[in-house]
Amino acid sequence: GIVHADIKSDNILVTYNSSEIIDVKIIDFGSAFMFETAKCISMSTPEYLAPEILSYLDNSNNPKYKEGVTSVFKTMKVWSYDMWSVGALLLEVITGFPLWLSLKGRTRSITGKQIFGM
């Protein structure tokens, strides 16, 4: 299967078709990869990353860190990568704000340790 790896509000198009039905389309597959051949995730938007991905990226002492991202995906449920992003996006649609906010109200990169003490 395909993992989009960068689901965010900027990559979603919502249109009405001629029958006044809403069409939702995912665009920008520049960070996407095949499930079986996982590659670098550094191009993804930090505000939409799943906590387990953030934890991995934070932990340069992790022995798998030096083996590269491919090895960590073999031990993770890769489908959760996009599912977390969809959940964060839905929360943004409902509240009007991104999931992670700084004290000044701007989005920022946040670490797994800051989120869940990972």
N, C-alpha and C. Protein backbone atom coordinates (compact mmCIF):
# COMPACT_ATOMS: atom_id res chain seq x y z
N GLY A 1 0.81 -1.19 0.00
CA GLY A 1 0.00 0.00 0.00
C GLY A 1 0.85 1.25 0.00
N ILE A 2 0.22 2.36 -0.15
CA ILE A 2 0.90 3.66 -0.18
C ILE A 2 0.65 4.40 1.12
N VAL A 3 1.70 4.98 1.67
CA VAL A 3 1.61 5.87 2.83
C VAL A 3 1.86 7.27 2.29
N HIS A 4 0.91 8.19 2.49
CA HIS A 4 1.05 9.55 1.96
C HIS A 4 2.18 10.29 2.67
N ALA A 5 2.24 10.18 3.98
CA ALA A 5 3.32 10.71 4.81
C ALA A 5 3.34 12.23 4.97
N ASP A 6 2.36 12.94 4.45
CA ASP A 6 2.30 14.39 4.68
C ASP A 6 0.86 14.89 4.57
N ILE A 7 -0.06 14.19 5.22
CA ILE A 7 -1.45 14.64 5.21
C ILE A 7 -1.57 15.84 6.13
N LYS A 8 -2.04 16.94 5.57
CA LYS A 8 -2.24 18.20 6.30
C LYS A 8 -3.25 19.02 5.53
N SER A 9 -3.71 20.11 6.11
CA SER A 9 -4.76 20.91 5.47
C SER A 9 -4.32 21.45 4.11
N ASP A 10 -3.06 21.76 3.94
CA ASP A 10 -2.57 22.27 2.65
C ASP A 10 -2.63 21.23 1.54
N ASN A 11 -2.73 19.96 1.91
CA ASN A 11 -2.72 18.88 0.92
C ASN A 11 -4.09 18.24 0.72
N ILE A 12 -5.14 18.93 1.11
CA ILE A 12 -6.51 18.45 0.93
C ILE A 12 -7.28 19.46 0.08
N LEU A 13 -7.91 18.98 -0.99
CA LEU A 13 -8.77 19.83 -1.82
C LEU A 13 -10.22 19.40 -1.61
N VAL A 14 -11.09 20.37 -1.37
CA VAL A 14 -12.52 20.09 -1.20
C VAL A 14 -13.26 20.88 -2.27
N THR A 15 -14.04 20.17 -3.09
CA THR A 15 -14.80 20.82 -4.17
C THR A 15 -16.22 20.25 -4.20
N TYR A 16 -17.10 20.97 -4.88
CA TYR A 16 -18.45 20.47 -5.14
C TYR A 16 -18.50 20.03 -6.59
N ASN A 17 -19.09 18.87 -6.85
CA ASN A 17 -19.24 18.47 -8.25
C ASN A 17 -20.58 18.97 -8.77
N SER A 18 -20.93 18.64 -9.99
CA SER A 18 -22.15 19.16 -10.62
C SER A 18 -23.42 18.71 -9.89
N SER A 19 -23.37 17.64 -9.15
CA SER A 19 -24.54 17.16 -8.39
C SER A 19 -24.56 17.73 -6.98
N GLU A 20 -23.74 18.73 -6.72
CA GLU A 20 -23.60 19.36 -5.41
C GLU A 20 -23.17 18.37 -4.33
N ILE A 21 -22.36 17.42 -4.74
CA ILE A 21 -21.78 16.47 -3.81
C ILE A 21 -20.35 16.92 -3.53
N ILE A 22 -19.95 16.84 -2.28
CA ILE A 22 -18.60 17.27 -1.90
C ILE A 22 -17.59 16.20 -2.30
N ASP A 23 -16.56 16.63 -2.99
CA ASP A 23 -15.43 15.75 -3.34
C ASP A 23 -14.23 16.17 -2.51
N VAL A 24 -13.60 15.21 -1.86
CA VAL A 24 -12.38 15.47 -1.09
C VAL A 24 -11.25 14.72 -1.78
N LYS A 25 -10.18 15.45 -2.08
CA LYS A 25 -9.04 14.85 -2.78
C LYS A 25 -7.76 15.14 -2.01
N ILE A 26 -6.92 14.13 -1.92
CA ILE A 26 -5.60 14.28 -1.31
C ILE A 26 -4.62 14.57 -2.44
N ILE A 27 -3.79 15.60 -2.24
CA ILE A 27 -2.81 15.99 -3.26
C ILE A 27 -1.40 15.94 -2.68
N ASP A 28 -0.41 16.22 -3.49
CA ASP A 28 1.00 16.31 -3.12
C ASP A 28 1.53 15.00 -2.53
N PHE A 29 1.82 14.08 -3.40
CA PHE A 29 2.36 12.79 -2.98
C PHE A 29 3.89 12.79 -3.00
N GLY A 30 4.50 13.97 -2.85
CA GLY A 30 5.95 14.09 -2.88
C GLY A 30 6.66 13.36 -1.75
N SER A 31 6.01 13.20 -0.61
CA SER A 31 6.61 12.49 0.52
C SER A 31 6.11 11.05 0.63
N ALA A 32 5.21 10.66 -0.25
CA ALA A 32 4.60 9.32 -0.18
C ALA A 32 5.62 8.23 -0.47
N PHE A 33 5.35 7.06 0.07
CA PHE A 33 6.20 5.90 -0.19
C PHE A 33 5.37 4.63 -0.14
N MET A 34 5.90 3.61 -0.75
CA MET A 34 5.25 2.30 -0.69
C MET A 34 5.51 1.69 0.68
N PHE A 35 4.50 1.12 1.25
CA PHE A 35 4.57 0.49 2.56
C PHE A 35 5.77 -0.45 2.67
N GLU A 36 6.03 -1.22 1.63
CA GLU A 36 7.08 -2.22 1.64
C GLU A 36 8.48 -1.62 1.51
N THR A 37 8.60 -0.43 0.98
CA THR A 37 9.91 0.19 0.75
C THR A 37 9.99 1.54 1.44
N ALA A 38 9.74 1.55 2.73
CA ALA A 38 9.72 2.79 3.50
C ALA A 38 11.02 3.56 3.30
N LYS A 39 10.89 4.89 3.20
CA LYS A 39 12.07 5.73 3.03
C LYS A 39 12.02 6.90 4.01
N CYS A 40 12.85 7.86 3.83
CA CYS A 40 12.98 8.99 4.75
C CYS A 40 11.67 9.72 4.98
N ILE A 41 11.43 10.12 6.24
CA ILE A 41 10.20 10.84 6.58
C ILE A 41 10.48 12.29 6.96
N SER A 42 11.70 12.74 6.74
CA SER A 42 12.06 14.07 7.20
C SER A 42 11.33 15.19 6.47
N MET A 43 10.71 14.90 5.33
CA MET A 43 10.01 15.93 4.58
C MET A 43 8.59 16.18 5.11
N SER A 44 8.12 15.34 6.01
CA SER A 44 6.77 15.48 6.52
C SER A 44 6.64 16.69 7.43
N THR A 45 5.42 17.19 7.59
CA THR A 45 5.16 18.36 8.42
C THR A 45 5.10 17.94 9.88
N PRO A 46 5.99 18.47 10.73
CA PRO A 46 6.08 18.03 12.13
C PRO A 46 4.77 18.13 12.91
N GLU A 47 3.96 19.14 12.63
CA GLU A 47 2.73 19.32 13.40
C GLU A 47 1.72 18.20 13.18
N TYR A 48 1.90 17.39 12.17
CA TYR A 48 0.96 16.31 11.87
C TYR A 48 1.57 14.92 12.07
N LEU A 49 2.79 14.85 12.58
CA LEU A 49 3.45 13.56 12.77
C LEU A 49 2.89 12.81 13.97
N ALA A 50 2.81 11.50 13.86
CA ALA A 50 2.36 10.65 14.96
C ALA A 50 3.42 10.66 16.07
N PRO A 51 2.99 10.53 17.33
CA PRO A 51 3.94 10.56 18.45
C PRO A 51 5.05 9.52 18.35
N GLU A 52 4.74 8.32 17.84
CA GLU A 52 5.78 7.30 17.74
C GLU A 52 6.85 7.69 16.72
N ILE A 53 6.48 8.42 15.70
CA ILE A 53 7.46 8.91 14.73
C ILE A 53 8.31 10.00 15.37
N LEU A 54 7.66 10.92 16.09
CA LEU A 54 8.39 11.98 16.79
C LEU A 54 9.36 11.39 17.79
N SER A 55 8.91 10.38 18.51
CA SER A 55 9.76 9.74 19.51
C SER A 55 10.99 9.13 18.84
N TYR A 56 10.79 8.48 17.71
CA TYR A 56 11.90 7.88 16.98
C TYR A 56 12.88 8.96 16.52
N LEU A 57 12.36 10.04 15.96
CA LEU A 57 13.23 11.10 15.45
C LEU A 57 13.96 11.81 16.57
N ASP A 58 13.34 11.88 17.77
CA ASP A 58 13.97 12.52 18.93
C ASP A 58 15.10 11.69 19.51
N ASN A 59 15.05 10.39 19.31
CA ASN A 59 15.91 9.48 20.04
C ASN A 59 17.11 9.03 19.21
N SER A 60 18.10 9.89 19.09
CA SER A 60 19.28 9.54 18.30
C SER A 60 20.11 8.46 18.99
N ASN A 61 19.82 8.15 20.27
CA ASN A 61 20.52 7.07 20.97
C ASN A 61 19.90 5.71 20.67
N ASN A 62 18.76 5.71 20.03
CA ASN A 62 18.08 4.47 19.65
C ASN A 62 18.99 3.72 18.67
N PRO A 63 19.28 2.44 18.94
CA PRO A 63 20.17 1.70 18.03
C PRO A 63 19.63 1.64 16.60
N LYS A 64 18.32 1.68 16.43
CA LYS A 64 17.75 1.62 15.08
C LYS A 64 17.89 2.96 14.36
N TYR A 65 18.17 4.04 15.10
CA TYR A 65 18.27 5.37 14.49
C TYR A 65 19.33 5.38 13.39
N LYS A 66 20.47 4.77 13.67
CA LYS A 66 21.58 4.78 12.72
C LYS A 66 21.33 3.86 11.53
N GLU A 67 20.41 2.91 11.69
CA GLU A 67 20.10 1.99 10.58
C GLU A 67 19.21 2.66 9.55
N GLY A 68 18.65 3.79 9.90
CA GLY A 68 17.78 4.50 8.97
C GLY A 68 16.31 4.24 9.21
N VAL A 69 15.51 5.04 8.57
CA VAL A 69 14.07 5.00 8.78
C VAL A 69 13.46 3.69 8.33
N THR A 70 14.01 3.07 7.32
CA THR A 70 13.44 1.82 6.81
C THR A 70 13.34 0.78 7.92
N SER A 71 14.36 0.66 8.74
CA SER A 71 14.35 -0.35 9.79
C SER A 71 13.28 -0.06 10.84
N VAL A 72 13.06 1.19 11.17
CA VAL A 72 12.06 1.50 12.19
C VAL A 72 10.66 1.22 11.68
N PHE A 73 10.43 1.40 10.39
CA PHE A 73 9.10 1.11 9.84
C PHE A 73 8.79 -0.37 9.87
N LYS A 74 9.81 -1.21 9.88
CA LYS A 74 9.56 -2.65 9.95
C LYS A 74 9.00 -3.04 11.31
N THR A 75 9.24 -2.23 12.34
CA THR A 75 8.73 -2.54 13.67
C THR A 75 7.52 -1.70 14.04
N MET A 76 7.10 -0.78 13.20
CA MET A 76 5.95 0.09 13.48
C MET A 76 4.76 -0.30 12.63
N LYS A 77 3.61 0.10 13.07
CA LYS A 77 2.40 -0.05 12.26
C LYS A 77 2.35 1.17 11.35
N VAL A 78 2.86 1.03 10.14
CA VAL A 78 3.04 2.17 9.25
C VAL A 78 1.71 2.83 8.89
N TRP A 79 0.63 2.06 8.82
CA TRP A 79 -0.66 2.66 8.48
C TRP A 79 -1.06 3.71 9.51
N SER A 80 -0.56 3.58 10.75
CA SER A 80 -0.91 4.56 11.78
C SER A 80 -0.31 5.93 11.48
N TYR A 81 0.72 5.95 10.65
CA TYR A 81 1.38 7.19 10.28
C TYR A 81 0.38 8.18 9.69
N ASP A 82 -0.37 7.75 8.69
CA ASP A 82 -1.36 8.62 8.06
C ASP A 82 -2.61 8.76 8.91
N MET A 83 -2.97 7.74 9.67
CA MET A 83 -4.19 7.81 10.49
C MET A 83 -4.08 8.90 11.55
N TRP A 84 -2.92 9.02 12.17
CA TRP A 84 -2.71 10.08 13.16
C TRP A 84 -2.86 11.44 12.48
N SER A 85 -2.28 11.59 11.31
CA SER A 85 -2.36 12.85 10.57
C SER A 85 -3.80 13.21 10.22
N VAL A 86 -4.59 12.21 9.84
CA VAL A 86 -6.01 12.44 9.53
C VAL A 86 -6.74 12.91 10.79
N GLY A 87 -6.47 12.28 11.92
CA GLY A 87 -7.08 12.70 13.18
C GLY A 87 -6.71 14.13 13.55
N ALA A 88 -5.43 14.48 13.40
CA ALA A 88 -4.98 15.84 13.68
C ALA A 88 -5.65 16.83 12.74
N LEU A 89 -5.80 16.44 11.48
CA LEU A 89 -6.46 17.30 10.49
C LEU A 89 -7.94 17.50 10.83
N LEU A 90 -8.63 16.43 11.22
CA LEU A 90 -10.05 16.55 11.60
C LEU A 90 -10.22 17.47 12.80
N LEU A 91 -9.32 17.36 13.78
CA LEU A 91 -9.39 18.25 14.93
C LEU A 91 -9.20 19.70 14.49
N GLU A 92 -8.29 19.93 13.55
CA GLU A 92 -8.07 21.28 13.03
C GLU A 92 -9.31 21.80 12.32
N VAL A 93 -10.00 20.93 11.57
CA VAL A 93 -11.22 21.33 10.87
C VAL A 93 -12.30 21.72 11.89
N ILE A 94 -12.43 20.94 12.95
CA ILE A 94 -13.47 21.19 13.96
C ILE A 94 -13.18 22.43 14.78
N THR A 95 -11.93 22.58 15.23
CA THR A 95 -11.60 23.68 16.14
C THR A 95 -11.08 24.93 15.43
N GLY A 96 -10.56 24.77 14.22
CA GLY A 96 -9.96 25.89 13.52
C GLY A 96 -8.50 26.11 13.89
N PHE A 97 -7.94 25.22 14.71
CA PHE A 97 -6.56 25.35 15.16
C PHE A 97 -5.82 24.04 14.96
N PRO A 98 -4.52 24.11 14.64
CA PRO A 98 -3.72 22.88 14.57
C PRO A 98 -3.65 22.19 15.93
N LEU A 99 -3.36 20.90 15.92
CA LEU A 99 -3.31 20.11 17.15
C LEU A 99 -2.30 20.65 18.15
N TRP A 100 -1.11 20.94 17.71
CA TRP A 100 -0.06 21.41 18.62
C TRP A 100 0.12 22.92 18.46
N LEU A 101 -0.02 23.64 19.55
CA LEU A 101 0.15 25.09 19.54
C LEU A 101 1.22 25.49 20.54
N SER A 102 1.98 26.50 20.20
CA SER A 102 2.93 27.04 21.16
C SER A 102 2.19 28.00 22.09
N LEU A 103 2.87 28.50 23.08
CA LEU A 103 2.24 29.45 24.00
C LEU A 103 1.83 30.73 23.28
N LYS A 104 2.50 31.05 22.18
CA LYS A 104 2.17 32.25 21.42
C LYS A 104 1.06 31.98 20.40
N GLY A 105 0.58 30.74 20.34
CA GLY A 105 -0.51 30.42 19.44
C GLY A 105 -0.10 30.06 18.02
N ARG A 106 1.20 29.93 17.79
CA ARG A 106 1.67 29.53 16.46
C ARG A 106 2.04 28.05 16.51
N THR A 107 1.88 27.39 15.39
CA THR A 107 2.29 25.98 15.37
C THR A 107 3.79 25.90 15.44
N ARG A 108 4.26 24.80 15.99
CA ARG A 108 5.70 24.58 16.07
C ARG A 108 5.96 23.08 16.11
N SER A 109 7.16 22.74 15.84
CA SER A 109 7.56 21.35 15.96
C SER A 109 7.58 20.99 17.44
N ILE A 110 7.15 19.80 17.76
CA ILE A 110 7.09 19.37 19.15
C ILE A 110 7.64 17.95 19.23
N THR A 111 8.27 17.62 20.32
CA THR A 111 8.89 16.31 20.44
C THR A 111 7.98 15.32 21.12
N GLY A 112 8.25 14.04 20.91
CA GLY A 112 7.49 12.99 21.57
C GLY A 112 7.58 13.09 23.08
N LYS A 113 8.74 13.46 23.59
CA LYS A 113 8.90 13.61 25.04
C LYS A 113 7.99 14.70 25.58
N GLN A 114 7.84 15.78 24.83
CA GLN A 114 6.98 16.87 25.27
C GLN A 114 5.51 16.46 25.24
N ILE A 115 5.15 15.56 24.35
CA ILE A 115 3.75 15.15 24.23
C ILE A 115 3.39 14.13 25.29
N PHE A 116 4.12 13.03 25.32
CA PHE A 116 3.74 11.91 26.16
C PHE A 116 4.84 11.45 27.10
N GLY A 117 5.91 12.21 27.19
CA GLY A 117 7.02 11.82 28.05
C GLY A 117 7.75 10.59 27.52
N MET A 118 7.74 10.41 26.20
CA MET A 118 8.39 9.24 25.59
C MET A 118 9.89 9.37 25.68
